[in-house]
Protein backbone atom coordinates (compact mmCIF):
# COMPACT_ATOMS: atom_id res chain seq x y z
CA UNK A 1 0.00 0.00 0.00
CA UNK A 2 2.70 2.48 0.99
CA UNK A 3 4.66 1.72 -2.18
CA UNK A 4 1.64 2.80 -4.22
CA UNK A 5 1.32 6.20 -2.58
CA UNK A 6 5.04 6.83 -2.03
CA UNK A 7 5.47 8.55 -5.46
CA UNK A 8 2.53 10.83 -4.69
CA UNK A 9 3.94 11.74 -1.26
CA UNK A 10 7.35 12.31 -2.83
CA UNK A 11 5.78 14.63 -5.42
CA UNK A 12 3.99 16.63 -2.73
CA UNK A 13 7.18 16.81 -0.64
CA UNK A 14 9.07 18.01 -3.72
CA UNK A 15 6.54 20.78 -4.30
CA UNK A 16 6.76 21.80 -0.64
CA UNK A 17 10.58 21.83 -0.78
CA UNK A 18 10.47 24.16 -3.77
CA UNK A 19 8.74 26.68 -1.51
CA UNK A 20 5.57 26.69 -3.57
CA UNK A 21 2.81 27.79 -1.28
CA UNK A 22 0.22 25.32 -2.48
CA UNK A 23 -2.54 26.87 -0.38
CA UNK A 24 -2.24 30.10 -2.37
CA UNK A 25 -2.26 28.48 -5.80
CA UNK A 26 -5.54 28.48 -7.71
CA UNK A 27 -6.85 24.92 -8.17
CA UNK A 28 -5.96 24.85 -11.89
CA UNK A 29 -2.35 25.87 -11.22
CA UNK A 30 -2.09 23.43 -8.32
CA UNK A 31 -3.21 20.56 -10.57
CA UNK A 32 -0.82 21.72 -13.29
CA UNK A 33 2.09 21.72 -10.82
CA UNK A 34 1.11 18.27 -9.57
CA UNK A 35 0.87 16.96 -13.15
CA UNK A 36 4.24 18.44 -14.17
CA UNK A 37 6.15 17.48 -11.02
CA UNK A 38 4.70 14.03 -10.32
CA UNK A 39 7.16 11.15 -10.37
CA UNK A 40 4.27 8.85 -11.31
CA UNK A 41 3.67 8.53 -15.05
CA UNK A 42 0.43 10.40 -15.79
CA UNK A 43 -1.35 10.29 -19.15
CA UNK A 44 -4.55 10.90 -21.06
CA UNK A 45 -5.11 8.96 -24.28
CA UNK A 46 -7.90 9.31 -26.82
CA UNK A 47 -10.06 6.53 -28.21
CA UNK A 48 -7.92 6.40 -31.36
CA UNK A 49 -5.05 5.16 -29.20
CA UNK A 50 -2.85 8.25 -29.09
CA UNK A 51 -1.57 10.01 -26.01
CA UNK A 52 -2.93 13.53 -25.72
CA UNK A 53 -1.31 14.57 -22.45
CA UNK A 54 1.80 13.18 -20.76
CA UNK A 55 3.78 14.48 -17.85
CA UNK A 56 7.59 14.85 -18.09
CA UNK A 57 8.21 11.65 -16.11
CA UNK A 58 7.51 9.72 -19.33
CA UNK A 59 10.54 11.27 -21.04
CA UNK A 60 12.67 10.76 -17.94
CA UNK A 61 11.89 7.03 -17.85
CA UNK A 62 11.63 6.07 -21.52
CA UNK A 63 14.05 8.51 -23.15
CA UNK A 64 11.56 9.58 -25.84
CA UNK A 65 10.42 13.19 -26.05
CA UNK A 66 6.79 13.81 -25.21
CA UNK A 67 6.21 14.70 -28.87
CA UNK A 68 7.64 11.33 -29.99
CA UNK A 69 5.35 9.51 -27.56
CA UNK A 70 2.30 11.43 -28.80
CA UNK A 71 3.13 10.92 -32.51
CA UNK A 72 2.46 7.15 -32.57
CA UNK A 73 -0.36 5.03 -31.21
CA UNK A 74 0.57 4.03 -27.67
CA UNK A 75 0.29 0.34 -28.59
CA UNK A 76 3.45 0.70 -30.72
CA UNK A 77 5.49 1.13 -27.53
CA UNK A 78 4.06 -2.02 -25.92
CA UNK A 79 6.13 -5.22 -25.89
CA UNK A 80 4.87 -7.61 -28.63
CA UNK A 81 3.92 -10.26 -26.04
CA UNK A 82 1.73 -7.72 -24.19
CA UNK A 83 -0.06 -6.12 -27.17
CA UNK A 84 -3.12 -8.39 -27.15
CA UNK A 85 -3.77 -8.07 -23.41
CA UNK A 86 -3.24 -4.28 -23.53
CA UNK A 87 -5.73 -3.94 -26.42
CA UNK A 88 -8.24 -6.04 -24.48
CA UNK A 89 -7.90 -3.76 -21.43
CA UNK A 90 -8.44 -0.67 -23.62
CA UNK A 91 -11.50 -2.25 -25.28
CA UNK A 92 -12.97 -3.04 -21.87
CA UNK A 93 -12.45 0.53 -20.73
CA UNK A 94 -13.89 2.07 -23.88
CA UNK A 95 -17.00 -0.13 -23.89
CA UNK A 96 -19.88 2.41 -23.70
CA UNK A 97 -21.97 -0.02 -21.64
CA UNK A 98 -19.37 0.05 -18.84
CA UNK A 99 -18.95 3.63 -17.69
CA UNK A 100 -16.43 4.93 -15.19
CA UNK A 101 -14.69 1.66 -14.57
CA UNK A 102 -11.08 1.29 -13.56
CA UNK A 103 -8.70 -1.49 -14.50
CA UNK A 104 -5.26 -2.37 -13.22
CA UNK A 105 -2.77 -4.34 -15.28
CA UNK A 106 0.91 -4.81 -16.09
CA UNK A 107 2.70 -4.53 -19.40
CA UNK A 108 6.13 -3.79 -20.80
CA UNK A 109 6.94 -0.51 -22.51
CA UNK A 110 9.80 0.13 -24.90
CA UNK A 111 12.50 2.65 -24.06
CA UNK A 112 14.28 4.67 -26.74
CA UNK A 113 17.38 2.46 -26.34
CA UNK A 114 15.30 -0.64 -27.19
CA UNK A 115 15.11 -2.04 -23.66
CA UNK A 116 11.76 -2.58 -21.96
CA UNK A 117 10.43 -1.54 -18.56
CA UNK A 118 7.53 -3.12 -16.69
CA UNK A 119 4.72 -0.68 -15.94
CA UNK A 120 1.92 -1.15 -13.45
CA UNK A 121 -1.13 0.69 -14.76
CA UNK A 122 -4.29 2.07 -13.22
CA UNK A 123 -6.60 3.31 -15.97
CA UNK A 124 -10.06 4.85 -15.90
CA UNK A 125 -12.27 5.76 -18.85
CA UNK A 126 -14.10 9.04 -19.06
CA UNK A 127 -16.07 10.28 -22.06
CA UNK A 128 -14.02 8.24 -24.51
CA UNK A 129 -10.65 9.15 -23.02
CA UNK A 130 -8.35 6.89 -21.05
CA UNK A 131 -7.01 8.55 -17.91
CA UNK A 132 -3.99 6.66 -16.67
CA UNK A 133 -1.26 6.53 -14.10
CA UNK A 134 1.61 4.08 -14.30
CA UNK A 135 4.62 3.20 -12.21
CA UNK A 136 7.87 1.52 -13.17
CA UNK A 137 7.88 -1.88 -11.45
CA UNK A 138 10.78 -3.35 -13.42
CA UNK A 139 12.93 -4.08 -10.37
CA UNK A 140 10.03 -5.78 -8.61
CA UNK A 141 9.25 -7.93 -11.68
CA UNK A 142 12.92 -8.88 -12.07
CA UNK A 143 13.06 -9.96 -8.42
CA UNK A 144 9.83 -11.90 -8.82
CA UNK A 145 11.12 -13.71 -11.93
CA UNK A 146 14.42 -14.45 -10.17
CA UNK A 147 12.57 -15.86 -7.16
CA UNK A 148 10.44 -18.06 -9.42
CA UNK A 149 13.51 -19.36 -11.28
CA UNK A 150 15.25 -20.15 -7.98
CA UNK A 151 12.17 -22.08 -6.86
CA UNK A 152 12.20 -24.07 -10.09
CA UNK A 153 15.90 -24.87 -9.81
CA UNK A 154 15.67 -25.80 -6.13
CA UNK A 155 12.47 -27.75 -6.77
CA UNK A 156 10.69 -25.99 -3.93
CA UNK A 157 7.42 -24.16 -3.88
CA UNK A 158 5.69 -21.28 -2.24
CA UNK A 159 2.22 -19.91 -1.78
CA UNK A 160 0.46 -16.61 -1.31
CA UNK A 161 -2.59 -16.14 0.86
CA UNK A 162 -4.95 -13.34 -0.15
CA UNK A 163 -6.61 -11.88 2.95
CA UNK A 164 -9.28 -10.07 0.91
CA UNK A 165 -10.88 -13.09 -0.72
CA UNK A 166 -9.29 -15.77 1.50
CA UNK A 167 -7.79 -17.52 -1.52
CA UNK A 168 -4.46 -19.30 -1.63
CA UNK A 169 -2.29 -19.41 -4.77
CA UNK A 170 0.47 -21.97 -5.16
CA UNK A 171 3.52 -21.77 -7.42
CA UNK A 172 4.15 -24.47 -10.01
CA UNK A 173 6.92 -25.87 -7.77
CA UNK A 174 4.43 -26.41 -4.96
CA UNK A 175 2.15 -28.37 -7.26
CA UNK A 176 5.02 -30.70 -8.20
CA UNK A 177 5.76 -31.45 -4.54
C-alpha atoms as a PDB file:
ATOM      1  CA  UNK A   1       0.000   0.000   0.000  1.00  0.00           C
ATOM      2  CA  UNK A   2       2.700   2.485   0.986  1.00  0.00           C
ATOM      3  CA  UNK A   3       4.663   1.718  -2.181  1.00  0.00           C
ATOM      4  CA  UNK A   4       1.640   2.798  -4.223  1.00  0.00           C
ATOM      5  CA  UNK A   5       1.317   6.197  -2.579  1.00  0.00           C
ATOM      6  CA  UNK A   6       5.040   6.834  -2.031  1.00  0.00           C
ATOM      7  CA  UNK A   7       5.474   8.553  -5.462  1.00  0.00           C
ATOM      8  CA  UNK A   8       2.532  10.832  -4.687  1.00  0.00           C
ATOM      9  CA  UNK A   9       3.938  11.745  -1.263  1.00  0.00           C
ATOM     10  CA  UNK A  10       7.348  12.312  -2.829  1.00  0.00           C
ATOM     11  CA  UNK A  11       5.784  14.631  -5.416  1.00  0.00           C
ATOM     12  CA  UNK A  12       3.992  16.626  -2.731  1.00  0.00           C
ATOM     13  CA  UNK A  13       7.179  16.813  -0.641  1.00  0.00           C
ATOM     14  CA  UNK A  14       9.067  18.013  -3.725  1.00  0.00           C
ATOM     15  CA  UNK A  15       6.541  20.779  -4.295  1.00  0.00           C
ATOM     16  CA  UNK A  16       6.764  21.798  -0.645  1.00  0.00           C
ATOM     17  CA  UNK A  17      10.575  21.834  -0.778  1.00  0.00           C
ATOM     18  CA  UNK A  18      10.465  24.159  -3.772  1.00  0.00           C
ATOM     19  CA  UNK A  19       8.738  26.678  -1.505  1.00  0.00           C
ATOM     20  CA  UNK A  20       5.567  26.692  -3.566  1.00  0.00           C
ATOM     21  CA  UNK A  21       2.809  27.795  -1.278  1.00  0.00           C
ATOM     22  CA  UNK A  22       0.217  25.315  -2.481  1.00  0.00           C
ATOM     23  CA  UNK A  23      -2.537  26.865  -0.379  1.00  0.00           C
ATOM     24  CA  UNK A  24      -2.242  30.097  -2.369  1.00  0.00           C
ATOM     25  CA  UNK A  25      -2.265  28.481  -5.797  1.00  0.00           C
ATOM     26  CA  UNK A  26      -5.544  28.484  -7.714  1.00  0.00           C
ATOM     27  CA  UNK A  27      -6.850  24.922  -8.169  1.00  0.00           C
ATOM     28  CA  UNK A  28      -5.963  24.846 -11.888  1.00  0.00           C
ATOM     29  CA  UNK A  29      -2.349  25.867 -11.215  1.00  0.00           C
ATOM     30  CA  UNK A  30      -2.092  23.431  -8.316  1.00  0.00           C
ATOM     31  CA  UNK A  31      -3.210  20.556 -10.567  1.00  0.00           C
ATOM     32  CA  UNK A  32      -0.824  21.717 -13.285  1.00  0.00           C
ATOM     33  CA  UNK A  33       2.092  21.721 -10.815  1.00  0.00           C
ATOM     34  CA  UNK A  34       1.106  18.275  -9.574  1.00  0.00           C
ATOM     35  CA  UNK A  35       0.874  16.964 -13.150  1.00  0.00           C
ATOM     36  CA  UNK A  36       4.236  18.437 -14.167  1.00  0.00           C
ATOM     37  CA  UNK A  37       6.153  17.482 -11.017  1.00  0.00           C
ATOM     38  CA  UNK A  38       4.701  14.034 -10.317  1.00  0.00           C
ATOM     39  CA  UNK A  39       7.162  11.149 -10.372  1.00  0.00           C
ATOM     40  CA  UNK A  40       4.275   8.855 -11.311  1.00  0.00           C
ATOM     41  CA  UNK A  41       3.667   8.531 -15.053  1.00  0.00           C
ATOM     42  CA  UNK A  42       0.425  10.403 -15.791  1.00  0.00           C
ATOM     43  CA  UNK A  43      -1.353  10.289 -19.150  1.00  0.00           C
ATOM     44  CA  UNK A  44      -4.552  10.901 -21.057  1.00  0.00           C
ATOM     45  CA  UNK A  45      -5.112   8.962 -24.285  1.00  0.00           C
ATOM     46  CA  UNK A  46      -7.902   9.314 -26.819  1.00  0.00           C
ATOM     47  CA  UNK A  47     -10.059   6.531 -28.210  1.00  0.00           C
ATOM     48  CA  UNK A  48      -7.917   6.403 -31.358  1.00  0.00           C
ATOM     49  CA  UNK A  49      -5.048   5.161 -29.203  1.00  0.00           C
ATOM     50  CA  UNK A  50      -2.849   8.253 -29.088  1.00  0.00           C
ATOM     51  CA  UNK A  51      -1.572  10.008 -26.010  1.00  0.00           C
ATOM     52  CA  UNK A  52      -2.932  13.534 -25.724  1.00  0.00           C
ATOM     53  CA  UNK A  53      -1.307  14.569 -22.449  1.00  0.00           C
ATOM     54  CA  UNK A  54       1.795  13.181 -20.757  1.00  0.00           C
ATOM     55  CA  UNK A  55       3.776  14.477 -17.845  1.00  0.00           C
ATOM     56  CA  UNK A  56       7.587  14.855 -18.092  1.00  0.00           C
ATOM     57  CA  UNK A  57       8.209  11.654 -16.112  1.00  0.00           C
ATOM     58  CA  UNK A  58       7.512   9.724 -19.331  1.00  0.00           C
ATOM     59  CA  UNK A  59      10.541  11.269 -21.036  1.00  0.00           C
ATOM     60  CA  UNK A  60      12.668  10.758 -17.939  1.00  0.00           C
ATOM     61  CA  UNK A  61      11.892   7.032 -17.854  1.00  0.00           C
ATOM     62  CA  UNK A  62      11.628   6.072 -21.515  1.00  0.00           C
ATOM     63  CA  UNK A  63      14.046   8.514 -23.153  1.00  0.00           C
ATOM     64  CA  UNK A  64      11.559   9.585 -25.841  1.00  0.00           C
ATOM     65  CA  UNK A  65      10.420  13.189 -26.049  1.00  0.00           C
ATOM     66  CA  UNK A  66       6.786  13.809 -25.208  1.00  0.00           C
ATOM     67  CA  UNK A  67       6.210  14.696 -28.870  1.00  0.00           C
ATOM     68  CA  UNK A  68       7.638  11.329 -29.990  1.00  0.00           C
ATOM     69  CA  UNK A  69       5.353   9.506 -27.564  1.00  0.00           C
ATOM     70  CA  UNK A  70       2.297  11.430 -28.801  1.00  0.00           C
ATOM     71  CA  UNK A  71       3.134  10.921 -32.507  1.00  0.00           C
ATOM     72  CA  UNK A  72       2.462   7.154 -32.567  1.00  0.00           C
ATOM     73  CA  UNK A  73      -0.359   5.027 -31.211  1.00  0.00           C
ATOM     74  CA  UNK A  74       0.566   4.026 -27.666  1.00  0.00           C
ATOM     75  CA  UNK A  75       0.290   0.344 -28.593  1.00  0.00           C
ATOM     76  CA  UNK A  76       3.453   0.699 -30.723  1.00  0.00           C
ATOM     77  CA  UNK A  77       5.490   1.129 -27.535  1.00  0.00           C
ATOM     78  CA  UNK A  78       4.061  -2.017 -25.925  1.00  0.00           C
ATOM     79  CA  UNK A  79       6.128  -5.221 -25.891  1.00  0.00           C
ATOM     80  CA  UNK A  80       4.869  -7.609 -28.629  1.00  0.00           C
ATOM     81  CA  UNK A  81       3.917 -10.256 -26.037  1.00  0.00           C
ATOM     82  CA  UNK A  82       1.729  -7.717 -24.190  1.00  0.00           C
ATOM     83  CA  UNK A  83      -0.061  -6.121 -27.167  1.00  0.00           C
ATOM     84  CA  UNK A  84      -3.123  -8.389 -27.145  1.00  0.00           C
ATOM     85  CA  UNK A  85      -3.772  -8.071 -23.407  1.00  0.00           C
ATOM     86  CA  UNK A  86      -3.241  -4.282 -23.533  1.00  0.00           C
ATOM     87  CA  UNK A  87      -5.726  -3.940 -26.418  1.00  0.00           C
ATOM     88  CA  UNK A  88      -8.236  -6.042 -24.479  1.00  0.00           C
ATOM     89  CA  UNK A  89      -7.904  -3.759 -21.430  1.00  0.00           C
ATOM     90  CA  UNK A  90      -8.437  -0.666 -23.617  1.00  0.00           C
ATOM     91  CA  UNK A  91     -11.500  -2.252 -25.279  1.00  0.00           C
ATOM     92  CA  UNK A  92     -12.966  -3.043 -21.869  1.00  0.00           C
ATOM     93  CA  UNK A  93     -12.449   0.527 -20.729  1.00  0.00           C
ATOM     94  CA  UNK A  94     -13.893   2.074 -23.881  1.00  0.00           C
ATOM     95  CA  UNK A  95     -17.003  -0.126 -23.895  1.00  0.00           C
ATOM     96  CA  UNK A  96     -19.878   2.415 -23.704  1.00  0.00           C
ATOM     97  CA  UNK A  97     -21.968  -0.023 -21.636  1.00  0.00           C
ATOM     98  CA  UNK A  98     -19.368   0.050 -18.843  1.00  0.00           C
ATOM     99  CA  UNK A  99     -18.952   3.630 -17.693  1.00  0.00           C
ATOM    100  CA  UNK A 100     -16.428   4.929 -15.187  1.00  0.00           C
ATOM    101  CA  UNK A 101     -14.686   1.663 -14.565  1.00  0.00           C
ATOM    102  CA  UNK A 102     -11.079   1.292 -13.555  1.00  0.00           C
ATOM    103  CA  UNK A 103      -8.701  -1.487 -14.500  1.00  0.00           C
ATOM    104  CA  UNK A 104      -5.262  -2.365 -13.220  1.00  0.00           C
ATOM    105  CA  UNK A 105      -2.774  -4.339 -15.282  1.00  0.00           C
ATOM    106  CA  UNK A 106       0.909  -4.814 -16.088  1.00  0.00           C
ATOM    107  CA  UNK A 107       2.697  -4.531 -19.397  1.00  0.00           C
ATOM    108  CA  UNK A 108       6.128  -3.794 -20.798  1.00  0.00           C
ATOM    109  CA  UNK A 109       6.942  -0.512 -22.510  1.00  0.00           C
ATOM    110  CA  UNK A 110       9.803   0.132 -24.903  1.00  0.00           C
ATOM    111  CA  UNK A 111      12.497   2.647 -24.064  1.00  0.00           C
ATOM    112  CA  UNK A 112      14.284   4.666 -26.736  1.00  0.00           C
ATOM    113  CA  UNK A 113      17.384   2.462 -26.343  1.00  0.00           C
ATOM    114  CA  UNK A 114      15.298  -0.639 -27.194  1.00  0.00           C
ATOM    115  CA  UNK A 115      15.110  -2.039 -23.655  1.00  0.00           C
ATOM    116  CA  UNK A 116      11.759  -2.576 -21.959  1.00  0.00           C
ATOM    117  CA  UNK A 117      10.431  -1.536 -18.562  1.00  0.00           C
ATOM    118  CA  UNK A 118       7.535  -3.118 -16.694  1.00  0.00           C
ATOM    119  CA  UNK A 119       4.718  -0.680 -15.941  1.00  0.00           C
ATOM    120  CA  UNK A 120       1.918  -1.154 -13.450  1.00  0.00           C
ATOM    121  CA  UNK A 121      -1.128   0.694 -14.755  1.00  0.00           C
ATOM    122  CA  UNK A 122      -4.291   2.072 -13.221  1.00  0.00           C
ATOM    123  CA  UNK A 123      -6.603   3.309 -15.971  1.00  0.00           C
ATOM    124  CA  UNK A 124     -10.057   4.848 -15.903  1.00  0.00           C
ATOM    125  CA  UNK A 125     -12.272   5.763 -18.849  1.00  0.00           C
ATOM    126  CA  UNK A 126     -14.102   9.043 -19.056  1.00  0.00           C
ATOM    127  CA  UNK A 127     -16.075  10.284 -22.058  1.00  0.00           C
ATOM    128  CA  UNK A 128     -14.024   8.237 -24.509  1.00  0.00           C
ATOM    129  CA  UNK A 129     -10.647   9.152 -23.018  1.00  0.00           C
ATOM    130  CA  UNK A 130      -8.353   6.894 -21.045  1.00  0.00           C
ATOM    131  CA  UNK A 131      -7.009   8.549 -17.908  1.00  0.00           C
ATOM    132  CA  UNK A 132      -3.989   6.660 -16.668  1.00  0.00           C
ATOM    133  CA  UNK A 133      -1.260   6.525 -14.104  1.00  0.00           C
ATOM    134  CA  UNK A 134       1.612   4.076 -14.303  1.00  0.00           C
ATOM    135  CA  UNK A 135       4.624   3.200 -12.209  1.00  0.00           C
ATOM    136  CA  UNK A 136       7.874   1.516 -13.169  1.00  0.00           C
ATOM    137  CA  UNK A 137       7.878  -1.876 -11.448  1.00  0.00           C
ATOM    138  CA  UNK A 138      10.779  -3.354 -13.415  1.00  0.00           C
ATOM    139  CA  UNK A 139      12.933  -4.082 -10.372  1.00  0.00           C
ATOM    140  CA  UNK A 140      10.029  -5.781  -8.610  1.00  0.00           C
ATOM    141  CA  UNK A 141       9.255  -7.932 -11.680  1.00  0.00           C
ATOM    142  CA  UNK A 142      12.919  -8.882 -12.070  1.00  0.00           C
ATOM    143  CA  UNK A 143      13.058  -9.961  -8.423  1.00  0.00           C
ATOM    144  CA  UNK A 144       9.827 -11.900  -8.822  1.00  0.00           C
ATOM    145  CA  UNK A 145      11.117 -13.709 -11.932  1.00  0.00           C
ATOM    146  CA  UNK A 146      14.415 -14.447 -10.175  1.00  0.00           C
ATOM    147  CA  UNK A 147      12.568 -15.857  -7.162  1.00  0.00           C
ATOM    148  CA  UNK A 148      10.437 -18.060  -9.425  1.00  0.00           C
ATOM    149  CA  UNK A 149      13.505 -19.357 -11.280  1.00  0.00           C
ATOM    150  CA  UNK A 150      15.253 -20.153  -7.977  1.00  0.00           C
ATOM    151  CA  UNK A 151      12.174 -22.077  -6.855  1.00  0.00           C
ATOM    152  CA  UNK A 152      12.202 -24.067 -10.093  1.00  0.00           C
ATOM    153  CA  UNK A 153      15.905 -24.866  -9.810  1.00  0.00           C
ATOM    154  CA  UNK A 154      15.665 -25.798  -6.131  1.00  0.00           C
ATOM    155  CA  UNK A 155      12.466 -27.754  -6.773  1.00  0.00           C
ATOM    156  CA  UNK A 156      10.692 -25.992  -3.933  1.00  0.00           C
ATOM    157  CA  UNK A 157       7.419 -24.162  -3.877  1.00  0.00           C
ATOM    158  CA  UNK A 158       5.686 -21.277  -2.237  1.00  0.00           C
ATOM    159  CA  UNK A 159       2.216 -19.907  -1.783  1.00  0.00           C
ATOM    160  CA  UNK A 160       0.463 -16.609  -1.314  1.00  0.00           C
ATOM    161  CA  UNK A 161      -2.589 -16.144   0.864  1.00  0.00           C
ATOM    162  CA  UNK A 162      -4.953 -13.336  -0.154  1.00  0.00           C
ATOM    163  CA  UNK A 163      -6.611 -11.884   2.950  1.00  0.00           C
ATOM    164  CA  UNK A 164      -9.281 -10.075   0.909  1.00  0.00           C
ATOM    165  CA  UNK A 165     -10.884 -13.086  -0.721  1.00  0.00           C
ATOM    166  CA  UNK A 166      -9.293 -15.774   1.501  1.00  0.00           C
ATOM    167  CA  UNK A 167      -7.785 -17.521  -1.518  1.00  0.00           C
ATOM    168  CA  UNK A 168      -4.465 -19.302  -1.633  1.00  0.00           C
ATOM    169  CA  UNK A 169      -2.291 -19.409  -4.769  1.00  0.00           C
ATOM    170  CA  UNK A 170       0.473 -21.974  -5.155  1.00  0.00           C
ATOM    171  CA  UNK A 171       3.517 -21.772  -7.425  1.00  0.00           C
ATOM    172  CA  UNK A 172       4.152 -24.472 -10.009  1.00  0.00           C
ATOM    173  CA  UNK A 173       6.922 -25.868  -7.768  1.00  0.00           C
ATOM    174  CA  UNK A 174       4.426 -26.411  -4.956  1.00  0.00           C
ATOM    175  CA  UNK A 175       2.155 -28.368  -7.262  1.00  0.00           C
ATOM    176  CA  UNK A 176       5.019 -30.704  -8.202  1.00  0.00           C
ATOM    177  CA  UNK A 177       5.760 -31.454  -4.539  1.00  0.00           C
END
